[in-house]
Amino acid sequence: MPQINADRLLADLRHLRSIGAVDNGVVRPALSEKDMEARHWLKARYEAAGLDATIDGVGNVLGRSPNPGKALLIGSHSDTQPTGGWLDGAMGVIYGLEVARALREDPDTAQLAVDAVSLQDEESRFFGCMGSRSLCGFFTPEMEAGARDKDGVLLADALKDAGLKDAPRIRLDRKRYLGFLEAHIEQGPHLEEEGNAIGVVTSIVGLGGLQITFEGQQNHAPARP
């Protein structure tokens, strides 16, 4: 039975935390210098685990198992909010890496295909869930055109500075995958309050937004006829 190497897993989590660490948090916004440093480090870790690793044209890092057959994709995101929590996203990324390593090291599971991924811009510096949208073919040229962060930095310029301007963009082969798993730190108190170490998500809040324009004359209600 495959065994997770806890010391190795924690060492990788702590090293990833050190890239962009500020006080108790981490500053690793998408396509920043620290974000790309983390992605190149992660690519090397994927390769050391026997995965064929690529950083694609939006910054996704995909480690693909060389094993044939149906695969499971495991991962999350490694970009952060300003001074974001060090396990937010990062835990799921390193869990994916460790699962791939542990299965490869056990002769009974070494033939299984597990791919690992670190998605780009989950935290919406330029475009929310940009990496996963791109992998699925949902990041259109219209979405990309003129995309910029809150400081006015253009996505096109950030990609160029990161050395990704001419890098190919990966599209997932949907026929390859059995499914996608993401481990994530709970960003609330429920597990701790109930004394549980882990939980399984069965539903999720769907958020949406609208822009509404009102046209008319400003006046007082109810006196206005």
C-alpha atoms as a PDB file:
ATOM      1  CA  MET A   1       0.000   0.000   0.000  1.00  0.00           C
ATOM      2  CA  PRO A   2       1.471   3.394  -0.928  1.00  0.00           C
ATOM      3  CA  GLN A   3       2.709   5.511   1.961  1.00  0.00           C
ATOM      4  CA  ILE A   4       2.672   9.303   2.125  1.00  0.00           C
ATOM      5  CA  ASN A   5       6.053  10.694   3.175  1.00  0.00           C
ATOM      6  CA  ALA A   6       4.914  13.299   5.697  1.00  0.00           C
ATOM      7  CA  ASP A   7       8.365  14.805   6.246  1.00  0.00           C
ATOM      8  CA  ARG A   8       8.860  15.287   2.509  1.00  0.00           C
ATOM      9  CA  LEU A   9       5.394  16.740   2.067  1.00  0.00           C
ATOM     10  CA  LEU A  10       5.844  19.246   4.909  1.00  0.00           C
ATOM     11  CA  ALA A  11       9.325  20.195   3.688  1.00  0.00           C
ATOM     12  CA  ASP A  12       7.908  21.051   0.270  1.00  0.00           C
ATOM     13  CA  LEU A  13       5.050  23.029   1.796  1.00  0.00           C
ATOM     14  CA  ARG A  14       7.493  25.010   3.911  1.00  0.00           C
ATOM     15  CA  HIS A  15       9.813  25.651   0.985  1.00  0.00           C
ATOM     16  CA  LEU A  16       6.905  26.902  -1.122  1.00  0.00           C
ATOM     17  CA  ARG A  17       5.914  29.141   1.800  1.00  0.00           C
ATOM     18  CA  SER A  18       9.421  30.641   1.830  1.00  0.00           C
ATOM     19  CA  ILE A  19       8.979  31.950  -1.723  1.00  0.00           C
ATOM     20  CA  GLY A  20       7.326  35.308  -1.120  1.00  0.00           C
ATOM     21  CA  ALA A  21       6.959  34.953   2.638  1.00  0.00           C
ATOM     22  CA  VAL A  22       5.986  38.189   4.418  1.00  0.00           C
ATOM     23  CA  ASP A  23       5.359  38.056   8.186  1.00  0.00           C
ATOM     24  CA  ASN A  24       2.767  35.308   8.723  1.00  0.00           C
ATOM     25  CA  GLY A  25       1.541  35.327   5.148  1.00  0.00           C
ATOM     26  CA  VAL A  26       2.751  34.926   1.572  1.00  0.00           C
ATOM     27  CA  VAL A  27       2.806  37.478  -1.254  1.00  0.00           C
ATOM     28  CA  ARG A  28       2.888  35.608  -4.543  1.00  0.00           C
ATOM     29  CA  PRO A  29       0.431  37.289  -6.951  1.00  0.00           C
ATOM     30  CA  ALA A  30      -0.043  35.680 -10.343  1.00  0.00           C
ATOM     31  CA  LEU A  31       2.842  36.212 -12.807  1.00  0.00           C
ATOM     32  CA  SER A  32       4.906  38.148 -10.282  1.00  0.00           C
ATOM     33  CA  GLU A  33       8.602  37.393  -9.884  1.00  0.00           C
ATOM     34  CA  LYS A  34       7.928  35.286  -6.781  1.00  0.00           C
ATOM     35  CA  ASP A  35       5.050  33.460  -8.434  1.00  0.00           C
ATOM     36  CA  MET A  36       7.234  32.459 -11.370  1.00  0.00           C
ATOM     37  CA  GLU A  37      10.072  31.464  -9.036  1.00  0.00           C
ATOM     38  CA  ALA A  38       7.642  29.138  -7.278  1.00  0.00           C
ATOM     39  CA  ARG A  39       6.395  27.721 -10.577  1.00  0.00           C
ATOM     40  CA  HIS A  40       9.871  26.934 -11.868  1.00  0.00           C
ATOM     41  CA  TRP A  41      10.691  25.266  -8.536  1.00  0.00           C
ATOM     42  CA  LEU A  42       7.470  23.270  -8.727  1.00  0.00           C
ATOM     43  CA  LYS A  43       8.212  22.205 -12.307  1.00  0.00           C
ATOM     44  CA  ALA A  44      11.539  20.794 -11.101  1.00  0.00           C
ATOM     45  CA  ARG A  45       9.776  18.948  -8.253  1.00  0.00           C
ATOM     46  CA  TYR A  46       7.297  17.432 -10.719  1.00  0.00           C
ATOM     47  CA  GLU A  47      10.165  16.258 -12.898  1.00  0.00           C
ATOM     48  CA  ALA A  48      11.966  14.750  -9.901  1.00  0.00           C
ATOM     49  CA  ALA A  49       8.755  12.816  -9.205  1.00  0.00           C
ATOM     50  CA  GLY A  50       8.886  11.269 -12.683  1.00  0.00           C
ATOM     51  CA  LEU A  51       6.284  13.536 -14.276  1.00  0.00           C
ATOM     52  CA  ASP A  52       6.649  15.265 -17.630  1.00  0.00           C
ATOM     53  CA  ALA A  53       6.337  18.891 -16.540  1.00  0.00           C
ATOM     54  CA  THR A  54       5.449  22.021 -18.493  1.00  0.00           C
ATOM     55  CA  ILE A  55       4.787  25.673 -17.684  1.00  0.00           C
ATOM     56  CA  ASP A  56       2.294  26.763 -20.296  1.00  0.00           C
ATOM     57  CA  GLY A  57       1.542  30.126 -21.878  1.00  0.00           C
ATOM     58  CA  VAL A  58      -0.565  31.470 -19.000  1.00  0.00           C
ATOM     59  CA  GLY A  59       1.639  30.002 -16.245  1.00  0.00           C
ATOM     60  CA  ASN A  60      -0.139  26.742 -15.457  1.00  0.00           C
ATOM     61  CA  VAL A  61       2.323  24.085 -14.273  1.00  0.00           C
ATOM     62  CA  LEU A  62       1.228  20.608 -15.377  1.00  0.00           C
ATOM     63  CA  GLY A  63       3.075  17.434 -14.432  1.00  0.00           C
ATOM     64  CA  ARG A  64       1.894  14.599 -16.660  1.00  0.00           C
ATOM     65  CA  SER A  65       2.392  10.945 -15.777  1.00  0.00           C
ATOM     66  CA  PRO A  66       4.132   8.905 -18.485  1.00  0.00           C
ATOM     67  CA  ASN A  67       1.934   5.910 -17.590  1.00  0.00           C
ATOM     68  CA  PRO A  68      -0.740   4.910 -20.109  1.00  0.00           C
ATOM     69  CA  GLY A  69      -4.420   4.649 -19.378  1.00  0.00           C
ATOM     70  CA  LYS A  70      -6.968   6.854 -17.686  1.00  0.00           C
ATOM     71  CA  ALA A  71      -5.499   9.428 -15.326  1.00  0.00           C
ATOM     72  CA  LEU A  72      -6.563  11.373 -12.261  1.00  0.00           C
ATOM     73  CA  LEU A  73      -5.659  15.070 -12.090  1.00  0.00           C
ATOM     74  CA  ILE A  74      -4.812  16.414  -8.615  1.00  0.00           C
ATOM     75  CA  GLY A  75      -3.838  19.957  -7.675  1.00  0.00           C
ATOM     76  CA  SER A  76      -4.870  23.506  -6.872  1.00  0.00           C
ATOM     77  CA  HIS A  77      -3.304  26.974  -7.271  1.00  0.00           C
ATOM     78  CA  SER A  78      -0.048  28.432  -5.966  1.00  0.00           C
ATOM     79  CA  ASP A  79      -0.668  32.137  -6.550  1.00  0.00           C
ATOM     80  CA  THR A  80      -1.816  34.060  -3.482  1.00  0.00           C
ATOM     81  CA  GLN A  81      -3.732  37.039  -2.281  1.00  0.00           C
ATOM     82  CA  PRO A  82      -1.526  39.788  -0.784  1.00  0.00           C
ATOM     83  CA  THR A  83      -0.277  38.251   2.486  1.00  0.00           C
ATOM     84  CA  GLY A  84      -2.479  35.234   1.829  1.00  0.00           C
ATOM     85  CA  GLY A  85      -2.415  32.132   3.989  1.00  0.00           C
ATOM     86  CA  TRP A  86       0.521  29.832   3.270  1.00  0.00           C
ATOM     87  CA  LEU A  87      -1.693  26.753   2.850  1.00  0.00           C
ATOM     88  CA  ASP A  88      -4.362  28.407   0.673  1.00  0.00           C
ATOM     89  CA  GLY A  89      -3.991  26.605  -2.653  1.00  0.00           C
ATOM     90  CA  ALA A  90      -0.442  25.500  -1.865  1.00  0.00           C
ATOM     91  CA  MET A  91      -1.654  22.544   0.198  1.00  0.00           C
ATOM     92  CA  GLY A  92      -3.608  21.114  -2.728  1.00  0.00           C
ATOM     93  CA  VAL A  93      -0.652  21.607  -5.080  1.00  0.00           C
ATOM     94  CA  ILE A  94       1.824  19.786  -2.850  1.00  0.00           C
ATOM     95  CA  TYR A  95      -0.713  17.070  -2.019  1.00  0.00           C
ATOM     96  CA  GLY A  96      -0.995  16.353  -5.744  1.00  0.00           C
ATOM     97  CA  LEU A  97       2.772  16.151  -6.033  1.00  0.00           C
ATOM     98  CA  GLU A  98       3.079  13.829  -3.018  1.00  0.00           C
ATOM     99  CA  VAL A  99       0.306  11.507  -4.201  1.00  0.00           C
ATOM    100  CA  ALA A 100       2.061  11.136  -7.561  1.00  0.00           C
ATOM    101  CA  ARG A 101       5.357  10.399  -5.790  1.00  0.00           C
ATOM    102  CA  ALA A 102       3.901   7.948  -3.298  1.00  0.00           C
ATOM    103  CA  LEU A 103       2.069   5.944  -5.954  1.00  0.00           C
ATOM    104  CA  ARG A 104       5.183   5.796  -8.123  1.00  0.00           C
ATOM    105  CA  GLU A 105       7.294   4.498  -5.243  1.00  0.00           C
ATOM    106  CA  ASP A 106       5.012   1.534  -4.503  1.00  0.00           C
ATOM    107  CA  PRO A 107       5.280  -1.373  -6.987  1.00  0.00           C
ATOM    108  CA  ASP A 108       1.572  -2.116  -6.566  1.00  0.00           C
ATOM    109  CA  THR A 109       0.557   1.376  -7.768  1.00  0.00           C
ATOM    110  CA  ALA A 110       3.519   2.505  -9.864  1.00  0.00           C
ATOM    111  CA  GLN A 111       1.581   1.843 -13.073  1.00  0.00           C
ATOM    112  CA  LEU A 112      -1.261   4.237 -12.193  1.00  0.00           C
ATOM    113  CA  ALA A 113      -1.463   7.554 -14.012  1.00  0.00           C
ATOM    114  CA  VAL A 114      -1.746  10.590 -11.736  1.00  0.00           C
ATOM    115  CA  ASP A 115      -1.121  14.078 -13.110  1.00  0.00           C
ATOM    116  CA  ALA A 116      -0.399  17.073 -10.871  1.00  0.00           C
ATOM    117  CA  VAL A 117      -1.218  20.711 -11.566  1.00  0.00           C
ATOM    118  CA  SER A 118      -0.732  24.207 -10.196  1.00  0.00           C
ATOM    119  CA  LEU A 119      -3.311  26.482 -11.769  1.00  0.00           C
ATOM    120  CA  GLN A 120      -2.644  30.136 -12.507  1.00  0.00           C
ATOM    121  CA  ASP A 121      -4.445  33.233 -11.212  1.00  0.00           C
ATOM    122  CA  GLU A 122      -7.081  31.588  -9.073  1.00  0.00           C
ATOM    123  CA  GLU A 123      -6.956  34.768  -6.994  1.00  0.00           C
ATOM    124  CA  SER A 124      -8.005  37.087  -9.830  1.00  0.00           C
ATOM    125  CA  ARG A 125      -5.046  39.426 -10.249  1.00  0.00           C
ATOM    126  CA  PHE A 126      -5.867  39.649 -13.948  1.00  0.00           C
ATOM    127  CA  PHE A 127      -8.814  37.303 -14.499  1.00  0.00           C
ATOM    128  CA  GLY A 128     -10.455  34.969 -12.011  1.00  0.00           C
ATOM    129  CA  CYS A 129      -9.597  31.289 -12.537  1.00  0.00           C
ATOM    130  CA  MET A 130      -7.620  32.234 -15.627  1.00  0.00           C
ATOM    131  CA  GLY A 131      -5.501  29.086 -15.562  1.00  0.00           C
ATOM    132  CA  SER A 132      -8.362  26.627 -15.255  1.00  0.00           C
ATOM    133  CA  ARG A 133     -10.385  28.537 -17.851  1.00  0.00           C
ATOM    134  CA  SER A 134      -7.442  28.337 -20.235  1.00  0.00           C
ATOM    135  CA  LEU A 135      -6.905  24.610 -19.662  1.00  0.00           C
ATOM    136  CA  CYS A 136     -10.567  23.962 -20.441  1.00  0.00           C
ATOM    137  CA  GLY A 137     -10.607  26.229 -23.500  1.00  0.00           C
ATOM    138  CA  PHE A 138     -12.848  28.844 -21.867  1.00  0.00           C
ATOM    139  CA  PHE A 139     -10.374  31.754 -21.715  1.00  0.00           C
ATOM    140  CA  THR A 140     -11.324  33.540 -24.915  1.00  0.00           C
ATOM    141  CA  PRO A 141      -9.360  36.231 -26.776  1.00  0.00           C
ATOM    142  CA  GLU A 142     -12.146  38.661 -25.830  1.00  0.00           C
ATOM    143  CA  MET A 143     -11.579  37.927 -22.140  1.00  0.00           C
ATOM    144  CA  GLU A 144      -7.844  38.291 -22.519  1.00  0.00           C
ATOM    145  CA  ALA A 145      -7.843  41.477 -24.577  1.00  0.00           C
ATOM    146  CA  GLY A 146      -7.051  44.454 -22.375  1.00  0.00           C
ATOM    147  CA  ALA A 147      -7.066  42.419 -19.140  1.00  0.00           C
ATOM    148  CA  ARG A 148      -5.145  44.281 -16.454  1.00  0.00           C
ATOM    149  CA  ASP A 149      -4.641  44.229 -12.705  1.00  0.00           C
ATOM    150  CA  LYS A 150      -5.742  46.869 -10.183  1.00  0.00           C
ATOM    151  CA  ASP A 151      -2.511  48.810 -10.742  1.00  0.00           C
ATOM    152  CA  GLY A 152      -3.047  48.962 -14.486  1.00  0.00           C
ATOM    153  CA  VAL A 153      -0.477  46.299 -15.426  1.00  0.00           C
ATOM    154  CA  LEU A 154      -1.586  44.610 -18.645  1.00  0.00           C
ATOM    155  CA  LEU A 155      -1.817  40.822 -18.690  1.00  0.00           C
ATOM    156  CA  ALA A 156       0.025  40.836 -22.025  1.00  0.00           C
ATOM    157  CA  ASP A 157       2.946  42.711 -20.446  1.00  0.00           C
ATOM    158  CA  ALA A 158       3.008  40.427 -17.407  1.00  0.00           C
ATOM    159  CA  LEU A 159       3.123  37.332 -19.629  1.00  0.00           C
ATOM    160  CA  LYS A 160       5.979  38.857 -21.613  1.00  0.00           C
ATOM    161  CA  ASP A 161       7.929  39.744 -18.461  1.00  0.00           C
ATOM    162  CA  ALA A 162       7.408  36.203 -17.164  1.00  0.00           C
ATOM    163  CA  GLY A 163       8.884  34.764 -20.363  1.00  0.00           C
ATOM    164  CA  LEU A 164       5.575  33.178 -21.400  1.00  0.00           C
ATOM    165  CA  LYS A 165       4.595  35.320 -24.364  1.00  0.00           C
ATOM    166  CA  ASP A 166       5.356  32.621 -26.938  1.00  0.00           C
ATOM    167  CA  ALA A 167       4.844  29.556 -24.760  1.00  0.00           C
ATOM    168  CA  PRO A 168       2.128  27.144 -25.954  1.00  0.00           C
ATOM    169  CA  ARG A 169      -1.077  26.917 -23.954  1.00  0.00           C
ATOM    170  CA  ILE A 170      -2.115  23.499 -22.755  1.00  0.00           C
ATOM    171  CA  ARG A 171      -5.589  22.166 -23.422  1.00  0.00           C
ATOM    172  CA  LEU A 172      -6.655  19.242 -21.291  1.00  0.00           C
ATOM    173  CA  ASP A 173      -7.437  16.011 -23.084  1.00  0.00           C
ATOM    174  CA  ARG A 174     -10.799  15.284 -21.522  1.00  0.00           C
ATOM    175  CA  LYS A 175     -10.694  11.685 -22.706  1.00  0.00           C
ATOM    176  CA  ARG A 176      -7.576  11.147 -20.577  1.00  0.00           C
ATOM    177  CA  TYR A 177      -9.071  12.018 -17.200  1.00  0.00           C
ATOM    178  CA  LEU A 178     -11.276  10.136 -14.779  1.00  0.00           C
ATOM    179  CA  GLY A 179     -11.687  13.267 -12.662  1.00  0.00           C
ATOM    180  CA  PHE A 180     -10.070  16.131 -10.786  1.00  0.00           C
ATOM    181  CA  LEU A 181      -9.366  16.274  -7.050  1.00  0.00           C
ATOM    182  CA  GLU A 182      -8.430  19.368  -5.050  1.00  0.00           C
ATOM    183  CA  ALA A 183      -7.463  19.272  -1.399  1.00  0.00           C
ATOM    184  CA  HIS A 184      -7.957  22.654   0.268  1.00  0.00           C
ATOM    185  CA  ILE A 185      -7.504  24.167   3.679  1.00  0.00           C
ATOM    186  CA  GLU A 186     -10.869  24.937   5.284  1.00  0.00           C
ATOM    187  CA  GLN A 187     -11.243  28.702   5.461  1.00  0.00           C
ATOM    188  CA  GLY A 188     -13.628  28.549   8.380  1.00  0.00           C
ATOM    189  CA  PRO A 189     -13.995  27.067  11.890  1.00  0.00           C
ATOM    190  CA  HIS A 190     -16.272  24.068  11.346  1.00  0.00           C
ATOM    191  CA  LEU A 191     -13.792  21.165  11.278  1.00  0.00           C
ATOM    192  CA  GLU A 192     -11.903  22.477  14.295  1.00  0.00           C
ATOM    193  CA  GLU A 193     -15.086  23.119  16.268  1.00  0.00           C
ATOM    194  CA  GLU A 194     -16.352  19.613  15.521  1.00  0.00           C
ATOM    195  CA  GLY A 195     -13.013  17.926  16.187  1.00  0.00           C
ATOM    196  CA  ASN A 196     -12.656  16.571  12.643  1.00  0.00           C
ATOM    197  CA  ALA A 197      -9.342  16.362  10.805  1.00  0.00           C
ATOM    198  CA  ILE A 198     -10.784  16.298   7.292  1.00  0.00           C
ATOM    199  CA  GLY A 199     -14.051  16.854   5.469  1.00  0.00           C
ATOM    200  CA  VAL A 200     -15.411  16.109   2.000  1.00  0.00           C
ATOM    201  CA  VAL A 201     -17.193  18.865   0.091  1.00  0.00           C
ATOM    202  CA  THR A 202     -20.651  17.861  -1.140  1.00  0.00           C
ATOM    203  CA  SER A 203     -21.869  21.259  -2.328  1.00  0.00           C
ATOM    204  CA  ILE A 204     -20.506  24.725  -2.982  1.00  0.00           C
ATOM    205  CA  VAL A 205     -21.821  28.280  -2.994  1.00  0.00           C
ATOM    206  CA  GLY A 206     -22.293  29.584  -6.534  1.00  0.00           C
ATOM    207  CA  LEU A 207     -21.477  33.286  -6.740  1.00  0.00           C
ATOM    208  CA  GLY A 208     -22.501  35.646  -9.508  1.00  0.00           C
ATOM    209  CA  GLY A 209     -22.587  39.341 -10.160  1.00  0.00           C
ATOM    210  CA  LEU A 210     -24.599  41.899 -12.081  1.00  0.00           C
ATOM    211  CA  GLN A 211     -24.088  45.479 -13.207  1.00  0.00           C
ATOM    212  CA  ILE A 212     -27.307  47.508 -13.223  1.00  0.00           C
ATOM    213  CA  THR A 213     -27.732  50.959 -14.739  1.00  0.00           C
ATOM    214  CA  PHE A 214     -30.680  53.089 -13.559  1.00  0.00           C
ATOM    215  CA  GLU A 215     -31.852  55.853 -15.866  1.00  0.00           C
ATOM    216  CA  GLY A 216     -34.178  58.613 -14.814  1.00  0.00           C
ATOM    217  CA  GLN A 217     -34.444  61.730 -12.699  1.00  0.00           C
ATOM    218  CA  GLN A 218     -33.134  61.933  -9.139  1.00  0.00           C
ATOM    219  CA  ASN A 219     -35.914  62.970  -6.798  1.00  0.00           C
ATOM    220  CA  HIS A 220     -37.567  62.247  -3.463  1.00  0.00           C
ATOM    221  CA  ALA A 221     -39.929  59.337  -2.814  1.00  0.00           C
ATOM    222  CA  PRO A 222     -42.875  59.185  -2.381  1.00  0.00           C
ATOM    223  CA  ALA A 223     -43.597  62.822  -3.266  1.00  0.00           C
ATOM    224  CA  ARG A 224     -42.432  62.415  -6.857  1.00  0.00           C
ATOM    225  CA  PRO A 225     -45.485  61.824  -9.135  1.00  0.00           C
END
